Amino acid sequence: MVLGVEVASKPVKYLGAFLDITDVSEMNFKKPLTRVRNNTHKWNKRQITLHARVLVAKTFVTSLFIHILNSVYIQTKQLQLIQCLVNSFVWRG
């Protein structure tokens, strides 16, 4: 009990983001990262221009992370992983 409030034993999901007194950043990024990998894999099968890939990345990929990035702490390695996924999709590498 902290300040008269019961402390949860498990991370609590609130408005789509896991909250806890410990580091739950992995839990917050697991589902969106899986969705990004699946979506970029589907889009890579299509023959689209560089401009279209940038538009897809801005529209579909980054939108998955906007709420979580505004709500919780992000580790540098997770930010680098997101950047790597977007760059590899845009530049097909």
PDB file of N, CA and C in Angstrom:
ATOM      1  N   MET A   1       0.839  -1.166   0.000  1.00  0.00           N
ATOM      2  CA  MET A   1       0.000   0.000   0.000  1.00  0.00           C
ATOM      3  C   MET A   1       0.897   1.247   0.000  1.00  0.00           C
ATOM      4  N   VAL A   2       0.654   2.134  -0.961  1.00  0.00           N
ATOM      5  CA  VAL A   2       1.426   3.365  -1.096  1.00  0.00           C
ATOM      6  C   VAL A   2       0.460   4.538  -1.008  1.00  0.00           C
ATOM      7  N   LEU A   3       0.700   5.419  -0.055  1.00  0.00           N
ATOM      8  CA  LEU A   3      -0.149   6.601   0.149  1.00  0.00           C
ATOM      9  C   LEU A   3      -1.619   6.238   0.284  1.00  0.00           C
ATOM     10  N   GLY A   4      -1.880   5.098   0.908  1.00  0.00           N
ATOM     11  CA  GLY A   4      -3.252   4.667   1.128  1.00  0.00           C
ATOM     12  C   GLY A   4      -3.915   4.032  -0.078  1.00  0.00           C
ATOM     13  N   VAL A   5      -3.144   3.763  -1.134  1.00  0.00           N
ATOM     14  CA  VAL A   5      -3.686   3.163  -2.353  1.00  0.00           C
ATOM     15  C   VAL A   5      -3.054   1.795  -2.538  1.00  0.00           C
ATOM     16  N   GLU A   6      -3.888   0.824  -2.847  1.00  0.00           N
ATOM     17  CA  GLU A   6      -3.413  -0.539  -3.072  1.00  0.00           C
ATOM     18  C   GLU A   6      -2.569  -0.589  -4.347  1.00  0.00           C
ATOM     19  N   VAL A   7      -1.396  -1.211  -4.285  1.00  0.00           N
ATOM     20  CA  VAL A   7      -0.502  -1.345  -5.429  1.00  0.00           C
ATOM     21  C   VAL A   7      -0.820  -2.666  -6.128  1.00  0.00           C
ATOM     22  N   ALA A   8      -1.029  -2.612  -7.440  1.00  0.00           N
ATOM     23  CA  ALA A   8      -1.362  -3.811  -8.206  1.00  0.00           C
ATOM     24  C   ALA A   8      -0.154  -4.730  -8.300  1.00  0.00           C
ATOM     25  N   SER A   9      -0.417  -6.028  -8.299  1.00  0.00           N
ATOM     26  CA  SER A   9       0.685  -6.990  -8.394  1.00  0.00           C
ATOM     27  C   SER A   9       1.071  -7.251  -9.846  1.00  0.00           C
ATOM     28  N   LYS A  10       0.174  -6.949 -10.772  1.00  0.00           N
ATOM     29  CA  LYS A  10       0.436  -7.127 -12.201  1.00  0.00           C
ATOM     30  C   LYS A  10       0.305  -5.780 -12.894  1.00  0.00           C
ATOM     31  N   PRO A  11       0.928  -5.635 -14.056  1.00  0.00           N
ATOM     32  CA  PRO A  11       0.736  -4.388 -14.816  1.00  0.00           C
ATOM     33  C   PRO A  11      -0.737  -4.199 -15.182  1.00  0.00           C
ATOM     34  N   VAL A  12      -1.192  -2.977 -15.151  1.00  0.00           N
ATOM     35  CA  VAL A  12      -2.569  -2.640 -15.445  1.00  0.00           C
ATOM     36  C   VAL A  12      -2.618  -2.000 -16.829  1.00  0.00           C
ATOM     37  N   LYS A  13      -3.586  -2.415 -17.641  1.00  0.00           N
ATOM     38  CA  LYS A  13      -3.743  -1.811 -18.964  1.00  0.00           C
ATOM     39  C   LYS A  13      -4.769  -0.684 -18.851  1.00  0.00           C
ATOM     40  N   TYR A  14      -4.351   0.524 -19.200  1.00  0.00           N
ATOM     41  CA  TYR A  14      -5.210   1.690 -19.111  1.00  0.00           C
ATOM     42  C   TYR A  14      -5.111   2.469 -20.416  1.00  0.00           C
ATOM     43  N   LEU A  15      -6.233   2.639 -21.096  1.00  0.00           N
ATOM     44  CA  LEU A  15      -6.296   3.325 -22.385  1.00  0.00           C
ATOM     45  C   LEU A  15      -5.313   2.746 -23.400  1.00  0.00           C
ATOM     46  N   GLY A  16      -5.165   1.425 -23.398  1.00  0.00           N
ATOM     47  CA  GLY A  16      -4.343   0.749 -24.388  1.00  0.00           C
ATOM     48  C   GLY A  16      -2.876   0.621 -24.053  1.00  0.00           C
ATOM     49  N   ALA A  17      -2.442   1.168 -22.935  1.00  0.00           N
ATOM     50  CA  ALA A  17      -1.028   1.091 -22.554  1.00  0.00           C
ATOM     51  C   ALA A  17      -0.910   0.435 -21.184  1.00  0.00           C
ATOM     52  N   PHE A  18       0.079  -0.430 -21.040  1.00  0.00           N
ATOM     53  CA  PHE A  18       0.326  -1.067 -19.760  1.00  0.00           C
ATOM     54  C   PHE A  18       1.035  -0.091 -18.832  1.00  0.00           C
ATOM     55  N   LEU A  19       0.583  -0.035 -17.594  1.00  0.00           N
ATOM     56  CA  LEU A  19       1.174   0.847 -16.589  1.00  0.00           C
ATOM     57  C   LEU A  19       1.577   0.011 -15.391  1.00  0.00           C
ATOM     58  N   ASP A  20       2.727   0.299 -14.830  1.00  0.00           N
ATOM     59  CA  ASP A  20       3.216  -0.398 -13.647  1.00  0.00           C
ATOM     60  C   ASP A  20       4.380   0.408 -13.077  1.00  0.00           C
ATOM     61  N   ILE A  21       4.758   0.087 -11.850  1.00  0.00           N
ATOM     62  CA  ILE A  21       5.892   0.777 -11.248  1.00  0.00           C
ATOM     63  C   ILE A  21       7.219   0.244 -11.775  1.00  0.00           C
ATOM     64  N   THR A  22       7.177  -0.922 -12.434  1.00  0.00           N
ATOM     65  CA  THR A  22       8.371  -1.479 -13.056  1.00  0.00           C
ATOM     66  C   THR A  22       8.364  -1.136 -14.546  1.00  0.00           C
ATOM     67  N   ASP A  23       9.383  -1.525 -15.249  1.00  0.00           N
ATOM     68  CA  ASP A  23       9.498  -1.240 -16.683  1.00  0.00           C
ATOM     69  C   ASP A  23       8.612  -2.192 -17.478  1.00  0.00           C
ATOM     70  N   VAL A  24       7.584  -1.656 -18.111  1.00  0.00           N
ATOM     71  CA  VAL A  24       6.670  -2.458 -18.926  1.00  0.00           C
ATOM     72  C   VAL A  24       6.737  -2.043 -20.398  1.00  0.00           C
ATOM     73  N   SER A  25       7.818  -1.389 -20.785  1.00  0.00           N
ATOM     74  CA  SER A  25       7.921  -0.882 -22.154  1.00  0.00           C
ATOM     75  C   SER A  25       7.893  -2.012 -23.180  1.00  0.00           C
ATOM     76  N   GLU A  26       8.456  -3.170 -22.834  1.00  0.00           N
ATOM     77  CA  GLU A  26       8.412  -4.312 -23.759  1.00  0.00           C
ATOM     78  C   GLU A  26       6.973  -4.745 -24.008  1.00  0.00           C
ATOM     79  N   MET A  27       6.163  -4.741 -22.965  1.00  0.00           N
ATOM     80  CA  MET A  27       4.760  -5.135 -23.097  1.00  0.00           C
ATOM     81  C   MET A  27       3.993  -4.149 -23.968  1.00  0.00           C
ATOM     82  N   ASN A  28       4.322  -2.878 -23.863  1.00  0.00           N
ATOM     83  CA  ASN A  28       3.622  -1.853 -24.627  1.00  0.00           C
ATOM     84  C   ASN A  28       3.960  -1.899 -26.116  1.00  0.00           C
ATOM     85  N   PHE A  29       5.135  -2.395 -26.463  1.00  0.00           N
ATOM     86  CA  PHE A  29       5.562  -2.349 -27.856  1.00  0.00           C
ATOM     87  C   PHE A  29       5.485  -3.689 -28.570  1.00  0.00           C
ATOM     88  N   LYS A  30       5.184  -4.742 -27.862  1.00  0.00           N
ATOM     89  CA  LYS A  30       5.160  -6.073 -28.472  1.00  0.00           C
ATOM     90  C   LYS A  30       4.083  -6.180 -29.558  1.00  0.00           C
ATOM     91  N   LYS A  31       2.850  -5.806 -29.240  1.00  0.00           N
ATOM     92  CA  LYS A  31       1.744  -5.913 -30.198  1.00  0.00           C
ATOM     93  C   LYS A  31       1.903  -4.963 -31.397  1.00  0.00           C
ATOM     94  N   PRO A  32       2.202  -3.666 -31.171  1.00  0.00           N
ATOM     95  CA  PRO A  32       2.387  -2.780 -32.334  1.00  0.00           C
ATOM     96  C   PRO A  32       3.556  -3.194 -33.228  1.00  0.00           C
ATOM     97  N   LEU A  33       4.650  -3.681 -32.647  1.00  0.00           N
ATOM     98  CA  LEU A  33       5.776  -4.121 -33.468  1.00  0.00           C
ATOM     99  C   LEU A  33       5.398  -5.313 -34.332  1.00  0.00           C
ATOM    100  N   THR A  34       4.634  -6.229 -33.780  1.00  0.00           N
ATOM    101  CA  THR A  34       4.168  -7.377 -34.561  1.00  0.00           C
ATOM    102  C   THR A  34       3.271  -6.919 -35.704  1.00  0.00           C
ATOM    103  N   ARG A  35       2.385  -5.979 -35.421  1.00  0.00           N
ATOM    104  CA  ARG A  35       1.493  -5.460 -36.469  1.00  0.00           C
ATOM    105  C   ARG A  35       2.285  -4.742 -37.560  1.00  0.00           C
ATOM    106  N   VAL A  36       3.313  -3.983 -37.167  1.00  0.00           N
ATOM    107  CA  VAL A  36       4.137  -3.269 -38.155  1.00  0.00           C
ATOM    108  C   VAL A  36       4.858  -4.275 -39.049  1.00  0.00           C
ATOM    109  N   ARG A  37       5.441  -5.292 -38.444  1.00  0.00           N
ATOM    110  CA  ARG A  37       6.141  -6.302 -39.247  1.00  0.00           C
ATOM    111  C   ARG A  37       5.192  -6.975 -40.237  1.00  0.00           C
ATOM    112  N   ASN A  38       3.998  -7.338 -39.780  1.00  0.00           N
ATOM    113  CA  ASN A  38       3.019  -7.986 -40.659  1.00  0.00           C
ATOM    114  C   ASN A  38       2.551  -7.045 -41.763  1.00  0.00           C
ATOM    115  N   ASN A  39       2.256  -5.794 -41.397  1.00  0.00           N
ATOM    116  CA  ASN A  39       1.772  -4.835 -42.393  1.00  0.00           C
ATOM    117  C   ASN A  39       2.838  -4.492 -43.431  1.00  0.00           C
ATOM    118  N   THR A  40       4.072  -4.269 -42.979  1.00  0.00           N
ATOM    119  CA  THR A  40       5.118  -3.935 -43.944  1.00  0.00           C
ATOM    120  C   THR A  40       5.430  -5.127 -44.851  1.00  0.00           C
ATOM    121  N   HIS A  41       5.306  -6.326 -44.315  1.00  0.00           N
ATOM    122  CA  HIS A  41       5.517  -7.517 -45.145  1.00  0.00           C
ATOM    123  C   HIS A  41       4.455  -7.585 -46.249  1.00  0.00           C
ATOM    124  N   LYS A  42       3.217  -7.273 -45.912  1.00  0.00           N
ATOM    125  CA  LYS A  42       2.135  -7.261 -46.914  1.00  0.00           C
ATOM    126  C   LYS A  42       2.369  -6.174 -47.962  1.00  0.00           C
ATOM    127  N   TRP A  43       2.758  -4.981 -47.516  1.00  0.00           N
ATOM    128  CA  TRP A  43       2.967  -3.876 -48.446  1.00  0.00           C
ATOM    129  C   TRP A  43       4.201  -4.083 -49.316  1.00  0.00           C
ATOM    130  N   ASN A  44       5.200  -4.799 -48.811  1.00  0.00           N
ATOM    131  CA  ASN A  44       6.402  -5.051 -49.610  1.00  0.00           C
ATOM    132  C   ASN A  44       6.120  -5.946 -50.810  1.00  0.00           C
ATOM    133  N   LYS A  45       5.060  -6.717 -50.753  1.00  0.00           N
ATOM    134  CA  LYS A  45       4.704  -7.583 -51.879  1.00  0.00           C
ATOM    135  C   LYS A  45       4.184  -6.774 -53.066  1.00  0.00           C
ATOM    136  N   ARG A  46       3.743  -5.568 -52.808  1.00  0.00           N
ATOM    137  CA  ARG A  46       3.186  -4.721 -53.873  1.00  0.00           C
ATOM    138  C   ARG A  46       4.290  -3.889 -54.520  1.00  0.00           C
ATOM    139  N   GLN A  47       4.129  -3.617 -55.758  1.00  0.00           N
ATOM    140  CA  GLN A  47       5.076  -2.783 -56.497  1.00  0.00           C
ATOM    141  C   GLN A  47       4.626  -1.325 -56.380  1.00  0.00           C
ATOM    142  N   ILE A  48       5.109  -0.635 -55.347  1.00  0.00           N
ATOM    143  CA  ILE A  48       4.730   0.756 -55.147  1.00  0.00           C
ATOM    144  C   ILE A  48       5.975   1.638 -55.170  1.00  0.00           C
ATOM    145  N   THR A  49       5.751   2.892 -55.471  1.00  0.00           N
ATOM    146  CA  THR A  49       6.865   3.836 -55.605  1.00  0.00           C
ATOM    147  C   THR A  49       7.425   4.218 -54.236  1.00  0.00           C
ATOM    148  N   LEU A  50       8.550   4.885 -54.257  1.00  0.00           N
ATOM    149  CA  LEU A  50       9.170   5.369 -53.029  1.00  0.00           C
ATOM    150  C   LEU A  50       8.227   6.331 -52.304  1.00  0.00           C
ATOM    151  N   HIS A  51       7.610   7.213 -53.063  1.00  0.00           N
ATOM    152  CA  HIS A  51       6.671   8.173 -52.473  1.00  0.00           C
ATOM    153  C   HIS A  51       5.522   7.442 -51.775  1.00  0.00           C
ATOM    154  N   ALA A  52       5.002   6.402 -52.386  1.00  0.00           N
ATOM    155  CA  ALA A  52       3.907   5.628 -51.795  1.00  0.00           C
ATOM    156  C   ALA A  52       4.369   4.893 -50.534  1.00  0.00           C
ATOM    157  N   ARG A  53       5.590   4.373 -50.534  1.00  0.00           N
ATOM    158  CA  ARG A  53       6.111   3.692 -49.337  1.00  0.00           C
ATOM    159  C   ARG A  53       6.269   4.663 -48.173  1.00  0.00           C
ATOM    160  N   VAL A  54       6.720   5.885 -48.466  1.00  0.00           N
ATOM    161  CA  VAL A  54       6.835   6.902 -47.419  1.00  0.00           C
ATOM    162  C   VAL A  54       5.445   7.238 -46.880  1.00  0.00           C
ATOM    163  N   LEU A  55       4.483   7.370 -47.758  1.00  0.00           N
ATOM    164  CA  LEU A  55       3.118   7.664 -47.343  1.00  0.00           C
ATOM    165  C   LEU A  55       2.541   6.537 -46.490  1.00  0.00           C
ATOM    166  N   VAL A  56       2.785   5.298 -46.866  1.00  0.00           N
ATOM    167  CA  VAL A  56       2.329   4.145 -46.081  1.00  0.00           C
ATOM    168  C   VAL A  56       2.996   4.145 -44.713  1.00  0.00           C
ATOM    169  N   ALA A  57       4.287   4.417 -44.671  1.00  0.00           N
ATOM    170  CA  ALA A  57       5.011   4.446 -43.397  1.00  0.00           C
ATOM    171  C   ALA A  57       4.455   5.535 -42.484  1.00  0.00           C
ATOM    172  N   LYS A  58       4.220   6.718 -43.026  1.00  0.00           N
ATOM    173  CA  LYS A  58       3.704   7.815 -42.222  1.00  0.00           C
ATOM    174  C   LYS A  58       2.273   7.552 -41.762  1.00  0.00           C
ATOM    175  N   THR A  59       1.469   6.936 -42.621  1.00  0.00           N
ATOM    176  CA  THR A  59       0.059   6.740 -42.311  1.00  0.00           C
ATOM    177  C   THR A  59      -0.189   5.539 -41.414  1.00  0.00           C
ATOM    178  N   PHE A  60       0.332   4.384 -41.797  1.00  0.00           N
ATOM    179  CA  PHE A  60      -0.012   3.151 -41.103  1.00  0.00           C
ATOM    180  C   PHE A  60       0.985   2.743 -40.026  1.00  0.00           C
ATOM    181  N   VAL A  61       2.248   2.948 -40.273  1.00  0.00           N
ATOM    182  CA  VAL A  61       3.260   2.474 -39.324  1.00  0.00           C
ATOM    183  C   VAL A  61       3.356   3.400 -38.117  1.00  0.00           C
ATOM    184  N   THR A  62       3.575   4.680 -38.350  1.00  0.00           N
ATOM    185  CA  THR A  62       3.751   5.587 -37.218  1.00  0.00           C
ATOM    186  C   THR A  62       2.472   5.780 -36.414  1.00  0.00           C
ATOM    187  N   SER A  63       1.317   5.641 -37.065  1.00  0.00           N
ATOM    188  CA  SER A  63       0.059   5.826 -36.333  1.00  0.00           C
ATOM    189  C   SER A  63      -0.140   4.762 -35.262  1.00  0.00           C
ATOM    190  N   LEU A  64       0.466   3.594 -35.420  1.00  0.00           N
ATOM    191  CA  LEU A  64       0.340   2.543 -34.411  1.00  0.00           C
ATOM    192  C   LEU A  64       1.058   2.909 -33.115  1.00  0.00           C
ATOM    193  N   PHE A  65       2.058   3.766 -33.197  1.00  0.00           N
ATOM    194  CA  PHE A  65       2.871   4.093 -32.030  1.00  0.00           C
ATOM    195  C   PHE A  65       2.555   5.447 -31.403  1.00  0.00           C
ATOM    196  N   ILE A  66       1.777   6.272 -32.056  1.00  0.00           N
ATOM    197  CA  ILE A  66       1.547   7.641 -31.584  1.00  0.00           C
ATOM    198  C   ILE A  66       0.988   7.665 -30.165  1.00  0.00           C
ATOM    199  N   HIS A  67      -0.061   6.916 -29.901  1.00  0.00           N
ATOM    200  CA  HIS A  67      -0.676   6.946 -28.573  1.00  0.00           C
ATOM    201  C   HIS A  67       0.278   6.426 -27.500  1.00  0.00           C
ATOM    202  N   ILE A  68       0.937   5.317 -27.785  1.00  0.00           N
ATOM    203  CA  ILE A  68       1.836   4.733 -26.798  1.00  0.00           C
ATOM    204  C   ILE A  68       3.020   5.662 -26.535  1.00  0.00           C
ATOM    205  N   LEU A  69       3.552   6.273 -27.585  1.00  0.00           N
ATOM    206  CA  LEU A  69       4.688   7.181 -27.412  1.00  0.00           C
ATOM    207  C   LEU A  69       4.306   8.419 -26.603  1.00  0.00           C
ATOM    208  N   ASN A  70       3.066   8.837 -26.693  1.00  0.00           N
ATOM    209  CA  ASN A  70       2.611   9.988 -25.916  1.00  0.00           C
ATOM    210  C   ASN A  70       2.251   9.621 -24.484  1.00  0.00           C
ATOM    211  N   SER A  71       2.060   8.337 -24.216  1.00  0.00           N
ATOM    212  CA  SER A  71       1.560   7.911 -22.913  1.00  0.00           C
ATOM    213  C   SER A  71       2.628   7.370 -21.974  1.00  0.00           C
ATOM    214  N   VAL A  72       3.603   6.678 -22.503  1.00  0.00           N
ATOM    215  CA  VAL A  72       4.563   5.982 -21.641  1.00  0.00           C
ATOM    216  C   VAL A  72       5.995   6.246 -22.091  1.00  0.00           C
ATOM    217  N   TYR A  73       6.921   5.846 -21.240  1.00  0.00           N
ATOM    218  CA  TYR A  73       8.349   5.978 -21.514  1.00  0.00           C
ATOM    219  C   TYR A  73       8.763   4.978 -22.602  1.00  0.00           C
ATOM    220  N   ILE A  74       9.667   5.396 -23.472  1.00  0.00           N
ATOM    221  CA  ILE A  74      10.187   4.512 -24.515  1.00  0.00           C
ATOM    222  C   ILE A  74      11.696   4.405 -24.343  1.00  0.00           C
ATOM    223  N   GLN A  75      12.183   3.194 -24.476  1.00  0.00           N
ATOM    224  CA  GLN A  75      13.617   2.977 -24.398  1.00  0.00           C
ATOM    225  C   GLN A  75      14.251   3.291 -25.748  1.00  0.00           C
ATOM    226  N   THR A  76      15.509   3.659 -25.715  1.00  0.00           N
ATOM    227  CA  THR A  76      16.228   4.010 -26.943  1.00  0.00           C
ATOM    228  C   THR A  76      16.272   2.839 -27.914  1.00  0.00           C
ATOM    229  N   LYS A  77      16.481   1.635 -27.409  1.00  0.00           N
ATOM    230  CA  LYS A  77      16.558   0.466 -28.296  1.00  0.00           C
ATOM    231  C   LYS A  77      15.233   0.224 -29.017  1.00  0.00           C
ATOM    232  N   GLN A  78      14.111   0.542 -28.370  1.00  0.00           N
ATOM    233  CA  GLN A  78      12.817   0.360 -29.025  1.00  0.00           C
ATOM    234  C   GLN A  78      12.593   1.417 -30.102  1.00  0.00           C
ATOM    235  N   LEU A  79      13.012   2.634 -29.828  1.00  0.00           N
ATOM    236  CA  LEU A  79      12.921   3.693 -30.826  1.00  0.00           C
ATOM    237  C   LEU A  79      13.792   3.363 -32.040  1.00  0.00           C
ATOM    238  N   GLN A  80      14.978   2.826 -31.798  1.00  0.00           N
ATOM    239  CA  GLN A  80      15.864   2.434 -32.892  1.00  0.00           C
ATOM    240  C   GLN A  80      15.259   1.285 -33.697  1.00  0.00           C
ATOM    241  N   LEU A  81      14.573   0.358 -33.027  1.00  0.00           N
ATOM    242  CA  LEU A  81      13.927  -0.749 -33.721  1.00  0.00           C
ATOM    243  C   LEU A  81      12.802  -0.255 -34.618  1.00  0.00           C
ATOM    244  N   ILE A  82      12.000   0.688 -34.125  1.00  0.00           N
ATOM    245  CA  ILE A  82      10.935   1.277 -34.942  1.00  0.00           C
ATOM    246  C   ILE A  82      11.539   1.972 -36.154  1.00  0.00           C
ATOM    247  N   GLN A  83      12.596   2.744 -35.929  1.00  0.00           N
ATOM    248  CA  GLN A  83      13.255   3.464 -37.019  1.00  0.00           C
ATOM    249  C   GLN A  83      13.831   2.484 -38.039  1.00  0.00           C
ATOM    250  N   CYS A  84      14.409   1.402 -37.573  1.00  0.00           N
ATOM    251  CA  CYS A  84      14.969   0.386 -38.459  1.00  0.00           C
ATOM    252  C   CYS A  84      13.876  -0.269 -39.302  1.00  0.00           C
ATOM    253  N   LEU A  85      12.731  -0.581 -38.693  1.00  0.00           N
ATOM    254  CA  LEU A  85      11.618  -1.181 -39.436  1.00  0.00           C
ATOM    255  C   LEU A  85      11.100  -0.236 -40.511  1.00  0.00           C
ATOM    256  N   VAL A  86      10.953   1.036 -40.156  1.00  0.00           N
ATOM    257  CA  VAL A  86      10.456   2.014 -41.131  1.00  0.00           C
ATOM    258  C   VAL A  86      11.468   2.205 -42.257  1.00  0.00           C
ATOM    259  N   ASN A  87      12.751   2.341 -41.917  1.00  0.00           N
ATOM    260  CA  ASN A  87      13.776   2.530 -42.946  1.00  0.00           C
ATOM    261  C   ASN A  87      13.879   1.326 -43.877  1.00  0.00           C
ATOM    262  N   SER A  88      13.824   0.128 -43.318  1.00  0.00           N
ATOM    263  CA  SER A  88      13.916  -1.052 -44.166  1.00  0.00           C
ATOM    264  C   SER A  88      12.708  -1.193 -45.071  1.00  0.00           C
ATOM    265  N   PHE A  89      11.545  -0.749 -44.599  1.00  0.00           N
ATOM    266  CA  PHE A  89      10.355  -0.787 -45.464  1.00  0.00           C
ATOM    267  C   PHE A  89      10.463   0.257 -46.571  1.00  0.00           C
ATOM    268  N   VAL A  90      10.804   1.483 -46.201  1.00  0.00           N
ATOM    269  CA  VAL A  90      10.864   2.549 -47.196  1.00  0.00           C
ATOM    270  C   VAL A  90      11.936   2.291 -48.241  1.00  0.00           C
ATOM    271  N   TRP A  91      13.106   1.865 -47.793  1.00  0.00           N
ATOM    272  CA  TRP A  91      14.223   1.665 -48.717  1.00  0.00           C
ATOM    273  C   TRP A  91      14.359   0.233 -49.197  1.00  0.00           C
ATOM    274  N   ARG A  92      13.391  -0.617 -48.832  1.00  0.00           N
ATOM    275  CA  ARG A  92      13.376  -2.037 -49.237  1.00  0.00           C
ATOM    276  C   ARG A  92      14.682  -2.733 -48.927  1.00  0.00           C
ATOM    277  N   GLY A  93      15.133  -2.574 -47.719  1.00  0.00           N
ATOM    278  CA  GLY A  93      16.403  -3.163 -47.389  1.00  0.00           C
ATOM    279  C   GLY A  93      16.338  -3.840 -46.100  1.00  0.00           C
TER     280      GLY A  93
END
